[in-house]
C-alpha cells in the first residue's frame, strides 16, 4: 500500500472487472468497441444537428447537448479502463481518483438534469403545442442547459468535498474499475455513517427525484395522447416510449447504486457498466432511429460527404 509519512493513502488500487487475463482481454475488446460506438454515434449526431438548418427545433438542440454529455461521461472512465485492462496498471493516485470522481458526478448529474429538461420539452410540445415556441425559445433552451451544468457542478462539489473530509489511512483497494463514492467511503479510517447518509441524500435522491419527474411527465403525455388519437399523437407516443427506455437505462442503475448503503457488492461493478458504457452507447440509437428527420439529415450529410 502506498502511504506517506503520516500514513495517509496516496494511491488506490482498482481491482477492475476480473483478474483472469483472458477475461481482461475480452473486456478490453468489448469496452473498445463500445467506446468507439459512443464516440462515432454521438459525434455523428452533433455534426448532423449542427450542419442541418432543418434540425433547429429545441428537441434537436437538447439532443446535441445530450450527445456531448454522453461523450464526456464515457471519456471520464473508459480510456483509463482500457489501459488498465491491456497493460494491467491498476494503481491510481489519490488526486487522480478524486478528480475522476468529481467529473463523473459532474457530467452524470448534468445528464440527469438534461434528460428531465428533454422530458419537459416533449411535454410542452405535445400537451401545450400553442405555447411551445414561446416557452422553449432559444434563449430559454440555453438557460435550461446552463442550469443543468450548474446543477451538476454543485452536486459534484458537494460529493467531492464530503469525501475529502474523510481520513484514508488504511486499506486502499477499490472493488471497481473506476473511482466512485460507494466503494471508496468504507475505506475511510473513521465512522462514515453521517457521510453515507448525506451522500445518499445527495446522489440517491437526485437520481430518484429526476426519474419520478420523468415518469410523471411521460404519464401526462400518455394521458394526453389517449385523449386525441391521431397519427401525430401516436408518433409522439412512440418517441416518448424510446425516450423512457433511454432514461431507464441511466436511472435504474444509479438508483440501485446510490440509494444503497456504501460498500461494494459483487454486482455493483457490473451495474456501473450499464450507465457508464451501455447507456451512452444506446442513446444515439434510441434517439435517432425513432426520428425520421434525423435519419434524413444523416443521409443528406452522407451524400454531401461523398460529393467531395
C-alpha atoms as a PDB file:
ATOM      1  CA  UNK A   1       0.000   0.000   0.000  1.00  0.00           C
ATOM      2  CA  UNK A   2       1.334   3.416  -0.927  1.00  0.00           C
ATOM      3  CA  UNK A   3       1.331   5.794   2.048  1.00  0.00           C
ATOM      4  CA  UNK A   4       3.160   8.925   3.062  1.00  0.00           C
ATOM      5  CA  UNK A   5       4.925   9.593   6.370  1.00  0.00           C
ATOM      6  CA  UNK A   6       1.661  10.319   8.162  1.00  0.00           C
ATOM      7  CA  UNK A   7       0.138   7.009   6.977  1.00  0.00           C
ATOM      8  CA  UNK A   8      -2.211   8.758   4.570  1.00  0.00           C
ATOM      9  CA  UNK A   9      -3.120   6.808   1.457  1.00  0.00           C
ATOM     10  CA  UNK A  10      -1.519   8.334  -1.613  1.00  0.00           C
ATOM     11  CA  UNK A  11      -2.966   5.939  -4.202  1.00  0.00           C
ATOM     12  CA  UNK A  12      -5.787   3.452  -4.650  1.00  0.00           C
ATOM     13  CA  UNK A  13      -5.769   0.058  -6.357  1.00  0.00           C
ATOM     14  CA  UNK A  14      -8.646  -0.521  -8.757  1.00  0.00           C
ATOM     15  CA  UNK A  15      -9.335  -4.263  -8.887  1.00  0.00           C
ATOM     16  CA  UNK A  16     -11.273  -3.971 -12.146  1.00  0.00           C
ATOM     17  CA  UNK A  17     -13.781  -6.451 -13.505  1.00  0.00           C
ATOM     18  CA  UNK A  18     -11.672  -9.626 -13.430  1.00  0.00           C
ATOM     19  CA  UNK A  19      -8.218 -10.964 -12.539  1.00  0.00           C
ATOM     20  CA  UNK A  20      -8.292 -13.541 -15.342  1.00  0.00           C
ATOM     21  CA  UNK A  21      -6.154 -12.459 -18.297  1.00  0.00           C
ATOM     22  CA  UNK A  22      -8.467 -13.994 -20.887  1.00  0.00           C
ATOM     23  CA  UNK A  23     -11.466 -12.148 -19.447  1.00  0.00           C
ATOM     24  CA  UNK A  24      -9.464  -8.921 -19.264  1.00  0.00           C
ATOM     25  CA  UNK A  25      -8.708  -9.147 -22.980  1.00  0.00           C
ATOM     26  CA  UNK A  26     -12.364  -9.914 -23.682  1.00  0.00           C
ATOM     27  CA  UNK A  27     -13.488  -6.913 -21.624  1.00  0.00           C
ATOM     28  CA  UNK A  28     -10.867  -4.766 -23.378  1.00  0.00           C
ATOM     29  CA  UNK A  29     -12.281  -5.697 -26.785  1.00  0.00           C
ATOM     30  CA  UNK A  30     -15.873  -5.086 -25.705  1.00  0.00           C
ATOM     31  CA  UNK A  31     -15.062  -1.771 -23.989  1.00  0.00           C
ATOM     32  CA  UNK A  32     -13.041  -0.588 -27.000  1.00  0.00           C
ATOM     33  CA  UNK A  33     -15.871  -1.405 -29.408  1.00  0.00           C
ATOM     34  CA  UNK A  34     -18.443   0.234 -27.132  1.00  0.00           C
ATOM     35  CA  UNK A  35     -16.302   3.360 -26.645  1.00  0.00           C
ATOM     36  CA  UNK A  36     -15.760   3.633 -30.404  1.00  0.00           C
ATOM     37  CA  UNK A  37     -19.519   3.373 -30.975  1.00  0.00           C
ATOM     38  CA  UNK A  38     -20.179   6.031 -28.320  1.00  0.00           C
ATOM     39  CA  UNK A  39     -17.708   8.452 -29.915  1.00  0.00           C
ATOM     40  CA  UNK A  40     -18.769   7.866 -33.517  1.00  0.00           C
ATOM     41  CA  UNK A  41     -22.521   7.734 -32.841  1.00  0.00           C
ATOM     42  CA  UNK A  42     -22.668  10.843 -30.685  1.00  0.00           C
ATOM     43  CA  UNK A  43     -20.244  12.820 -32.852  1.00  0.00           C
ATOM     44  CA  UNK A  44     -22.421  11.966 -35.857  1.00  0.00           C
ATOM     45  CA  UNK A  45     -25.472  13.352 -34.064  1.00  0.00           C
ATOM     46  CA  UNK A  46     -23.630  16.553 -33.109  1.00  0.00           C
ATOM     47  CA  UNK A  47     -22.344  17.124 -36.652  1.00  0.00           C
ATOM     48  CA  UNK A  48     -25.734  16.320 -38.171  1.00  0.00           C
ATOM     49  CA  UNK A  49     -27.652  18.714 -35.926  1.00  0.00           C
ATOM     50  CA  UNK A  50     -25.076  21.486 -36.232  1.00  0.00           C
ATOM     51  CA  UNK A  51     -24.876  21.355 -40.038  1.00  0.00           C
ATOM     52  CA  UNK A  52     -28.565  20.954 -40.931  1.00  0.00           C
ATOM     53  CA  UNK A  53     -30.713  24.104 -40.560  1.00  0.00           C
ATOM     54  CA  UNK A  54     -33.839  21.933 -40.697  1.00  0.00           C
ATOM     55  CA  UNK A  55     -32.961  20.499 -37.278  1.00  0.00           C
ATOM     56  CA  UNK A  56     -33.500  23.758 -35.463  1.00  0.00           C
ATOM     57  CA  UNK A  57     -36.202  22.663 -33.027  1.00  0.00           C
ATOM     58  CA  UNK A  58     -35.345  22.738 -29.300  1.00  0.00           C
ATOM     59  CA  UNK A  59     -35.580  18.941 -29.218  1.00  0.00           C
ATOM     60  CA  UNK A  60     -32.579  18.629 -31.534  1.00  0.00           C
ATOM     61  CA  UNK A  61     -30.650  21.330 -29.684  1.00  0.00           C
ATOM     62  CA  UNK A  62     -31.111  19.336 -26.467  1.00  0.00           C
ATOM     63  CA  UNK A  63     -30.246  16.091 -28.261  1.00  0.00           C
ATOM     64  CA  UNK A  64     -26.981  17.648 -29.435  1.00  0.00           C
ATOM     65  CA  UNK A  65     -26.137  18.575 -25.855  1.00  0.00           C
ATOM     66  CA  UNK A  66     -27.030  15.084 -24.674  1.00  0.00           C
ATOM     67  CA  UNK A  67     -24.612  13.595 -27.204  1.00  0.00           C
ATOM     68  CA  UNK A  68     -21.837  15.878 -25.968  1.00  0.00           C
ATOM     69  CA  UNK A  69     -22.518  14.864 -22.362  1.00  0.00           C
ATOM     70  CA  UNK A  70     -22.517  11.155 -23.294  1.00  0.00           C
ATOM     71  CA  UNK A  71     -19.074  11.547 -24.868  1.00  0.00           C
ATOM     72  CA  UNK A  72     -17.800  13.293 -21.743  1.00  0.00           C
ATOM     73  CA  UNK A  73     -19.384  10.740 -19.395  1.00  0.00           C
ATOM     74  CA  UNK A  74     -17.809   7.769 -21.128  1.00  0.00           C
ATOM     75  CA  UNK A  75     -14.446   9.502 -21.531  1.00  0.00           C
ATOM     76  CA  UNK A  76     -14.168  10.073 -17.772  1.00  0.00           C
ATOM     77  CA  UNK A  77     -13.722   6.351 -17.102  1.00  0.00           C
ATOM     78  CA  UNK A  78     -13.272   4.298 -20.276  1.00  0.00           C
ATOM     79  CA  UNK A  79      -9.808   5.374 -21.561  1.00  0.00           C
ATOM     80  CA  UNK A  80      -8.202   4.565 -18.230  1.00  0.00           C
ATOM     81  CA  UNK A  81     -10.109   1.274 -18.010  1.00  0.00           C
ATOM     82  CA  UNK A  82      -8.795   0.297 -21.439  1.00  0.00           C
ATOM     83  CA  UNK A  83      -5.212   0.997 -20.373  1.00  0.00           C
ATOM     84  CA  UNK A  84      -5.685  -0.991 -17.154  1.00  0.00           C
ATOM     85  CA  UNK A  85      -7.200  -3.972 -18.981  1.00  0.00           C
ATOM     86  CA  UNK A  86      -4.462  -4.023 -21.617  1.00  0.00           C
ATOM     87  CA  UNK A  87      -1.377  -3.208 -19.531  1.00  0.00           C
ATOM     88  CA  UNK A  88      -2.513  -4.190 -16.042  1.00  0.00           C
ATOM     89  CA  UNK A  89      -1.998  -0.739 -14.493  1.00  0.00           C
ATOM     90  CA  UNK A  90      -4.385  -0.827 -11.530  1.00  0.00           C
ATOM     91  CA  UNK A  91      -2.959   1.960  -9.347  1.00  0.00           C
ATOM     92  CA  UNK A  92      -4.446   5.454  -9.448  1.00  0.00           C
ATOM     93  CA  UNK A  93      -3.154   8.432  -7.473  1.00  0.00           C
ATOM     94  CA  UNK A  94      -5.360   9.810  -4.710  1.00  0.00           C
ATOM     95  CA  UNK A  95      -5.678  13.149  -6.518  1.00  0.00           C
ATOM     96  CA  UNK A  96      -6.477  11.413  -9.807  1.00  0.00           C
ATOM     97  CA  UNK A  97      -9.126   9.318  -8.094  1.00  0.00           C
ATOM     98  CA  UNK A  98     -10.805  12.384  -6.607  1.00  0.00           C
ATOM     99  CA  UNK A  99     -10.662  14.153  -9.982  1.00  0.00           C
ATOM    100  CA  UNK A 100     -12.245  11.178 -11.724  1.00  0.00           C
ATOM    101  CA  UNK A 101     -14.993  11.041  -9.106  1.00  0.00           C
ATOM    102  CA  UNK A 102     -15.647  14.774  -9.436  1.00  0.00           C
ATOM    103  CA  UNK A 103     -16.000  14.734 -13.212  1.00  0.00           C
ATOM    104  CA  UNK A 104     -18.044  11.525 -13.163  1.00  0.00           C
ATOM    105  CA  UNK A 105     -20.653  13.071 -10.872  1.00  0.00           C
ATOM    106  CA  UNK A 106     -20.430  16.444 -12.622  1.00  0.00           C
ATOM    107  CA  UNK A 107     -21.216  15.020 -16.047  1.00  0.00           C
ATOM    108  CA  UNK A 108     -23.512  12.241 -14.817  1.00  0.00           C
ATOM    109  CA  UNK A 109     -25.805  14.500 -12.793  1.00  0.00           C
ATOM    110  CA  UNK A 110     -25.807  17.083 -15.592  1.00  0.00           C
ATOM    111  CA  UNK A 111     -27.117  14.347 -17.903  1.00  0.00           C
ATOM    112  CA  UNK A 112     -29.885  13.509 -15.426  1.00  0.00           C
ATOM    113  CA  UNK A 113     -30.977  17.130 -15.297  1.00  0.00           C
ATOM    114  CA  UNK A 114     -30.783  17.403 -19.099  1.00  0.00           C
ATOM    115  CA  UNK A 115     -32.964  14.323 -19.594  1.00  0.00           C
ATOM    116  CA  UNK A 116     -35.500  15.944 -17.276  1.00  0.00           C
ATOM    117  CA  UNK A 117     -35.422  19.077 -19.430  1.00  0.00           C
ATOM    118  CA  UNK A 118     -35.895  16.944 -22.548  1.00  0.00           C
ATOM    119  CA  UNK A 119     -38.963  15.351 -20.968  1.00  0.00           C
ATOM    120  CA  UNK A 120     -40.300  18.839 -20.215  1.00  0.00           C
ATOM    121  CA  UNK A 121     -39.670  19.762 -23.862  1.00  0.00           C
ATOM    122  CA  UNK A 122     -41.705  16.772 -25.069  1.00  0.00           C
ATOM    123  CA  UNK A 123     -44.466  17.515 -22.564  1.00  0.00           C
ATOM    124  CA  UNK A 124     -44.683  21.131 -23.742  1.00  0.00           C
ATOM    125  CA  UNK A 125     -44.654  20.154 -27.412  1.00  0.00           C
ATOM    126  CA  UNK A 126     -47.461  17.596 -27.011  1.00  0.00           C
ATOM    127  CA  UNK A 127     -49.594  18.983 -24.208  1.00  0.00           C
ATOM    128  CA  UNK A 128     -49.184  22.716 -24.851  1.00  0.00           C
ATOM    129  CA  UNK A 129     -48.404  22.995 -28.572  1.00  0.00           C
ATOM    130  CA  UNK A 130     -49.733  26.553 -28.951  1.00  0.00           C
ATOM    131  CA  UNK A 131     -47.318  27.837 -26.306  1.00  0.00           C
ATOM    132  CA  UNK A 132     -44.383  25.629 -27.297  1.00  0.00           C
ATOM    133  CA  UNK A 133     -42.488  28.199 -29.348  1.00  0.00           C
ATOM    134  CA  UNK A 134     -42.749  30.837 -26.637  1.00  0.00           C
ATOM    135  CA  UNK A 135     -41.849  28.502 -23.749  1.00  0.00           C
ATOM    136  CA  UNK A 136     -38.963  26.731 -25.493  1.00  0.00           C
ATOM    137  CA  UNK A 137     -37.401  29.748 -27.164  1.00  0.00           C
ATOM    138  CA  UNK A 138     -33.684  29.567 -27.991  1.00  0.00           C
ATOM    139  CA  UNK A 139     -32.760  31.769 -25.028  1.00  0.00           C
ATOM    140  CA  UNK A 140     -34.794  29.592 -22.676  1.00  0.00           C
ATOM    141  CA  UNK A 141     -33.107  26.461 -24.040  1.00  0.00           C
ATOM    142  CA  UNK A 142     -29.649  27.911 -23.419  1.00  0.00           C
ATOM    143  CA  UNK A 143     -30.689  28.891 -19.897  1.00  0.00           C
ATOM    144  CA  UNK A 144     -32.037  25.391 -19.168  1.00  0.00           C
ATOM    145  CA  UNK A 145     -28.861  23.723 -20.452  1.00  0.00           C
ATOM    146  CA  UNK A 146     -26.717  26.105 -18.383  1.00  0.00           C
ATOM    147  CA  UNK A 147     -28.847  25.282 -15.333  1.00  0.00           C
ATOM    148  CA  UNK A 148     -28.222  21.560 -15.945  1.00  0.00           C
ATOM    149  CA  UNK A 149     -24.464  22.076 -15.972  1.00  0.00           C
ATOM    150  CA  UNK A 150     -24.631  24.349 -12.916  1.00  0.00           C
ATOM    151  CA  UNK A 151     -26.719  21.797 -11.007  1.00  0.00           C
ATOM    152  CA  UNK A 152     -24.274  19.055 -11.928  1.00  0.00           C
ATOM    153  CA  UNK A 153     -21.346  21.161 -10.764  1.00  0.00           C
ATOM    154  CA  UNK A 154     -22.955  21.924  -7.396  1.00  0.00           C
ATOM    155  CA  UNK A 155     -23.848  18.274  -6.866  1.00  0.00           C
ATOM    156  CA  UNK A 156     -20.328  17.122  -7.692  1.00  0.00           C
ATOM    157  CA  UNK A 157     -18.694  19.750  -5.479  1.00  0.00           C
ATOM    158  CA  UNK A 158     -20.759  18.567  -2.510  1.00  0.00           C
ATOM    159  CA  UNK A 159     -19.858  14.918  -3.133  1.00  0.00           C
ATOM    160  CA  UNK A 160     -16.157  15.653  -3.539  1.00  0.00           C
ATOM    161  CA  UNK A 161     -15.902  17.941  -0.504  1.00  0.00           C
ATOM    162  CA  UNK A 162     -17.664  15.397   1.719  1.00  0.00           C
ATOM    163  CA  UNK A 163     -15.252  12.710   0.562  1.00  0.00           C
ATOM    164  CA  UNK A 164     -12.155  14.873   1.015  1.00  0.00           C
ATOM    165  CA  UNK A 165     -13.088  15.436   4.659  1.00  0.00           C
ATOM    166  CA  UNK A 166     -12.580  11.721   5.387  1.00  0.00           C
ATOM    167  CA  UNK A 167      -9.190  10.367   6.505  1.00  0.00           C
ATOM    168  CA  UNK A 168      -7.825   7.492   4.400  1.00  0.00           C
ATOM    169  CA  UNK A 169      -5.041   5.708   6.255  1.00  0.00           C
ATOM    170  CA  UNK A 170      -5.767   2.013   5.920  1.00  0.00           C
ATOM    171  CA  UNK A 171      -6.958  -0.223   3.026  1.00  0.00           C
ATOM    172  CA  UNK A 172      -6.654   1.258  -0.435  1.00  0.00           C
ATOM    173  CA  UNK A 173      -8.256  -1.467  -2.568  1.00  0.00           C
ATOM    174  CA  UNK A 174     -11.337  -0.405  -4.555  1.00  0.00           C
ATOM    175  CA  UNK A 175     -13.590  -3.216  -5.786  1.00  0.00           C
ATOM    176  CA  UNK A 176     -14.442  -1.457  -9.038  1.00  0.00           C
ATOM    177  CA  UNK A 177     -12.820  -0.312 -12.264  1.00  0.00           C
ATOM    178  CA  UNK A 178     -13.115   3.414 -11.508  1.00  0.00           C
ATOM    179  CA  UNK A 179     -13.396   5.733  -8.515  1.00  0.00           C
ATOM    180  CA  UNK A 180     -16.861   6.359  -7.119  1.00  0.00           C
ATOM    181  CA  UNK A 181     -18.419   7.144  -3.763  1.00  0.00           C
ATOM    182  CA  UNK A 182     -19.889   3.746  -2.679  1.00  0.00           C
ATOM    183  CA  UNK A 183     -16.657   1.689  -2.892  1.00  0.00           C
ATOM    184  CA  UNK A 184     -14.416   4.481  -1.509  1.00  0.00           C
ATOM    185  CA  UNK A 185     -16.316   5.622   1.594  1.00  0.00           C
ATOM    186  CA  UNK A 186     -15.895   2.302   3.508  1.00  0.00           C
ATOM    187  CA  UNK A 187     -12.097   2.670   3.163  1.00  0.00           C
ATOM    188  CA  UNK A 188     -12.066   5.733   5.442  1.00  0.00           C
ATOM    189  CA  UNK A 189     -10.482   5.368   8.880  1.00  0.00           C
ATOM    190  CA  UNK A 190     -13.458   6.796  10.771  1.00  0.00           C
ATOM    191  CA  UNK A 191     -17.172   6.371  11.299  1.00  0.00           C
ATOM    192  CA  UNK A 192     -18.812   7.239   7.976  1.00  0.00           C
ATOM    193  CA  UNK A 193     -22.492   6.799   8.892  1.00  0.00           C
ATOM    194  CA  UNK A 194     -23.307  10.513   8.651  1.00  0.00           C
ATOM    195  CA  UNK A 195     -21.277  10.939   5.454  1.00  0.00           C
ATOM    196  CA  UNK A 196     -23.008   7.951   3.863  1.00  0.00           C
ATOM    197  CA  UNK A 197     -26.402   9.390   4.744  1.00  0.00           C
ATOM    198  CA  UNK A 198     -25.508  12.805   3.308  1.00  0.00           C
ATOM    199  CA  UNK A 199     -24.120  11.312   0.114  1.00  0.00           C
ATOM    200  CA  UNK A 200     -27.133   9.037  -0.329  1.00  0.00           C
ATOM    201  CA  UNK A 201     -29.399  12.055   0.165  1.00  0.00           C
ATOM    202  CA  UNK A 202     -27.412  13.906  -2.476  1.00  0.00           C
ATOM    203  CA  UNK A 203     -26.848  11.329  -5.224  1.00  0.00           C
ATOM    204  CA  UNK A 204     -29.625   8.867  -4.481  1.00  0.00           C
ATOM    205  CA  UNK A 205     -32.441  11.355  -4.054  1.00  0.00           C
ATOM    206  CA  UNK A 206     -31.359  13.331  -7.117  1.00  0.00           C
ATOM    207  CA  UNK A 207     -31.484  10.131  -9.198  1.00  0.00           C
ATOM    208  CA  UNK A 208     -34.827   9.057  -7.754  1.00  0.00           C
ATOM    209  CA  UNK A 209     -36.351  12.549  -7.908  1.00  0.00           C
ATOM    210  CA  UNK A 210     -35.404  13.147 -11.533  1.00  0.00           C
ATOM    211  CA  UNK A 211     -36.633   9.694 -12.510  1.00  0.00           C
ATOM    212  CA  UNK A 212     -40.014  10.230 -10.830  1.00  0.00           C
ATOM    213  CA  UNK A 213     -40.389  13.601 -12.575  1.00  0.00           C
ATOM    214  CA  UNK A 214     -39.605  11.925 -15.893  1.00  0.00           C
ATOM    215  CA  UNK A 215     -42.102   9.131 -15.331  1.00  0.00           C
ATOM    216  CA  UNK A 216     -44.775  11.656 -14.284  1.00  0.00           C
ATOM    217  CA  UNK A 217     -44.190  13.775 -17.384  1.00  0.00           C
ATOM    218  CA  UNK A 218     -44.466  10.762 -19.692  1.00  0.00           C
ATOM    219  CA  UNK A 219     -47.598   9.633 -17.861  1.00  0.00           C
ATOM    220  CA  UNK A 220     -49.161  13.043 -18.536  1.00  0.00           C
ATOM    221  CA  UNK A 221     -48.142  12.773 -22.179  1.00  0.00           C
ATOM    222  CA  UNK A 222     -49.702   9.299 -22.411  1.00  0.00           C
ATOM    223  CA  UNK A 223     -52.940  10.596 -20.922  1.00  0.00           C
ATOM    224  CA  UNK A 224     -52.969  13.446 -23.428  1.00  0.00           C
ATOM    225  CA  UNK A 225     -52.282  11.138 -26.375  1.00  0.00           C
ATOM    226  CA  UNK A 226     -55.082   8.754 -25.377  1.00  0.00           C
ATOM    227  CA  UNK A 227     -57.487  11.692 -25.372  1.00  0.00           C
ATOM    228  CA  UNK A 228     -56.765  12.535 -29.007  1.00  0.00           C
ATOM    229  CA  UNK A 229     -55.935   9.550 -31.174  1.00  0.00           C
ATOM    230  CA  UNK A 230     -54.191  10.619 -34.364  1.00  0.00           C
ATOM    231  CA  UNK A 231     -51.155   9.689 -36.422  1.00  0.00           C
ATOM    232  CA  UNK A 232     -49.131  12.554 -34.955  1.00  0.00           C
ATOM    233  CA  UNK A 233     -50.128  11.606 -31.438  1.00  0.00           C
ATOM    234  CA  UNK A 234     -49.084   8.004 -31.883  1.00  0.00           C
ATOM    235  CA  UNK A 235     -45.773   9.194 -33.317  1.00  0.00           C
ATOM    236  CA  UNK A 236     -45.302  11.302 -30.197  1.00  0.00           C
ATOM    237  CA  UNK A 237     -46.142   8.288 -28.038  1.00  0.00           C
ATOM    238  CA  UNK A 238     -43.570   6.173 -29.872  1.00  0.00           C
ATOM    239  CA  UNK A 239     -40.939   8.875 -29.357  1.00  0.00           C
ATOM    240  CA  UNK A 240     -41.723   9.111 -25.645  1.00  0.00           C
ATOM    241  CA  UNK A 241     -41.502   5.341 -25.276  1.00  0.00           C
ATOM    242  CA  UNK A 242     -37.995   5.328 -26.736  1.00  0.00           C
ATOM    243  CA  UNK A 243     -37.010   8.241 -24.502  1.00  0.00           C
ATOM    244  CA  UNK A 244     -38.326   6.403 -21.449  1.00  0.00           C
ATOM    245  CA  UNK A 245     -36.221   3.397 -22.409  1.00  0.00           C
ATOM    246  CA  UNK A 246     -33.138   5.606 -22.542  1.00  0.00           C
ATOM    247  CA  UNK A 247     -33.721   7.215 -19.155  1.00  0.00           C
ATOM    248  CA  UNK A 248     -34.427   3.835 -17.554  1.00  0.00           C
ATOM    249  CA  UNK A 249     -31.014   2.594 -18.702  1.00  0.00           C
ATOM    250  CA  UNK A 250     -29.397   5.509 -16.907  1.00  0.00           C
ATOM    251  CA  UNK A 251     -31.537   5.999 -13.809  1.00  0.00           C
ATOM    252  CA  UNK A 252     -32.211   2.443 -12.640  1.00  0.00           C
ATOM    253  CA  UNK A 253     -28.508   1.577 -12.155  1.00  0.00           C
ATOM    254  CA  UNK A 254     -27.911   4.930 -10.456  1.00  0.00           C
ATOM    255  CA  UNK A 255     -30.836   4.459  -8.063  1.00  0.00           C
ATOM    256  CA  UNK A 256     -29.618   0.922  -7.302  1.00  0.00           C
ATOM    257  CA  UNK A 257     -26.080   2.198  -6.653  1.00  0.00           C
ATOM    258  CA  UNK A 258     -26.598   5.390  -4.696  1.00  0.00           C
ATOM    259  CA  UNK A 259     -29.676   4.643  -2.575  1.00  0.00           C
ATOM    260  CA  UNK A 260     -27.993   1.619  -1.011  1.00  0.00           C
ATOM    261  CA  UNK A 261     -25.544   1.684   1.920  1.00  0.00           C
ATOM    262  CA  UNK A 262     -21.972   2.453   0.860  1.00  0.00           C
ATOM    263  CA  UNK A 263     -19.886  -0.580   0.066  1.00  0.00           C
ATOM    264  CA  UNK A 264     -19.080  -2.822  -2.830  1.00  0.00           C
ATOM    265  CA  UNK A 265     -21.302  -5.782  -3.663  1.00  0.00           C
ATOM    266  CA  UNK A 266     -20.192  -8.279  -6.329  1.00  0.00           C
ATOM    267  CA  UNK A 267     -22.839  -6.971  -8.727  1.00  0.00           C
ATOM    268  CA  UNK A 268     -22.071  -3.271  -8.310  1.00  0.00           C
ATOM    269  CA  UNK A 269     -19.129  -3.042 -10.699  1.00  0.00           C
ATOM    270  CA  UNK A 270     -21.170  -4.722 -13.433  1.00  0.00           C
ATOM    271  CA  UNK A 271     -24.076  -2.371 -12.821  1.00  0.00           C
ATOM    272  CA  UNK A 272     -21.641   0.521 -13.336  1.00  0.00           C
ATOM    273  CA  UNK A 273     -21.074  -0.725 -16.896  1.00  0.00           C
ATOM    274  CA  UNK A 274     -24.715  -0.030 -17.751  1.00  0.00           C
ATOM    275  CA  UNK A 275     -24.668   3.704 -17.096  1.00  0.00           C
ATOM    276  CA  UNK A 276     -21.015   4.457 -17.948  1.00  0.00           C
ATOM    277  CA  UNK A 277     -20.807   2.458 -21.193  1.00  0.00           C
ATOM    278  CA  UNK A 278     -24.069   0.848 -22.294  1.00  0.00           C
ATOM    279  CA  UNK A 279     -26.403   3.829 -21.794  1.00  0.00           C
ATOM    280  CA  UNK A 280     -24.219   6.352 -23.721  1.00  0.00           C
ATOM    281  CA  UNK A 281     -23.813   3.739 -26.467  1.00  0.00           C
ATOM    282  CA  UNK A 282     -27.563   3.154 -26.797  1.00  0.00           C
ATOM    283  CA  UNK A 283     -28.648   6.802 -26.687  1.00  0.00           C
ATOM    284  CA  UNK A 284     -27.666   7.573 -30.315  1.00  0.00           C
ATOM    285  CA  UNK A 285     -29.623   4.515 -31.487  1.00  0.00           C
ATOM    286  CA  UNK A 286     -32.681   5.211 -29.352  1.00  0.00           C
ATOM    287  CA  UNK A 287     -32.914   8.916 -30.157  1.00  0.00           C
ATOM    288  CA  UNK A 288     -32.096   8.713 -33.876  1.00  0.00           C
ATOM    289  CA  UNK A 289     -33.764   5.531 -35.090  1.00  0.00           C
ATOM    290  CA  UNK A 290     -37.120   6.854 -33.844  1.00  0.00           C
ATOM    291  CA  UNK A 291     -36.633  10.197 -35.648  1.00  0.00           C
ATOM    292  CA  UNK A 292     -37.129  10.229 -39.399  1.00  0.00           C
ATOM    293  CA  UNK A 293     -35.914  13.845 -39.526  1.00  0.00           C
ATOM    294  CA  UNK A 294     -32.542  12.945 -38.015  1.00  0.00           C
ATOM    295  CA  UNK A 295     -32.145   9.906 -40.282  1.00  0.00           C
ATOM    296  CA  UNK A 296     -32.931  12.005 -43.354  1.00  0.00           C
ATOM    297  CA  UNK A 297     -30.427  14.644 -42.251  1.00  0.00           C
ATOM    298  CA  UNK A 298     -27.769  11.992 -41.759  1.00  0.00           C
ATOM    299  CA  UNK A 299     -28.451  10.682 -45.240  1.00  0.00           C
ATOM    300  CA  UNK A 300     -28.085  14.184 -46.689  1.00  0.00           C
ATOM    301  CA  UNK A 301     -24.845  14.631 -44.753  1.00  0.00           C
ATOM    302  CA  UNK A 302     -23.556  11.344 -46.152  1.00  0.00           C
ATOM    303  CA  UNK A 303     -24.365  12.429 -49.720  1.00  0.00           C
ATOM    304  CA  UNK A 304     -22.593  15.750 -49.175  1.00  0.00           C
ATOM    305  CA  UNK A 305     -19.521  13.940 -47.875  1.00  0.00           C
ATOM    306  CA  UNK A 306     -19.488  11.600 -50.885  1.00  0.00           C
ATOM    307  CA  UNK A 307     -19.666  14.585 -53.222  1.00  0.00           C
ATOM    308  CA  UNK A 308     -16.254  15.847 -52.074  1.00  0.00           C
END
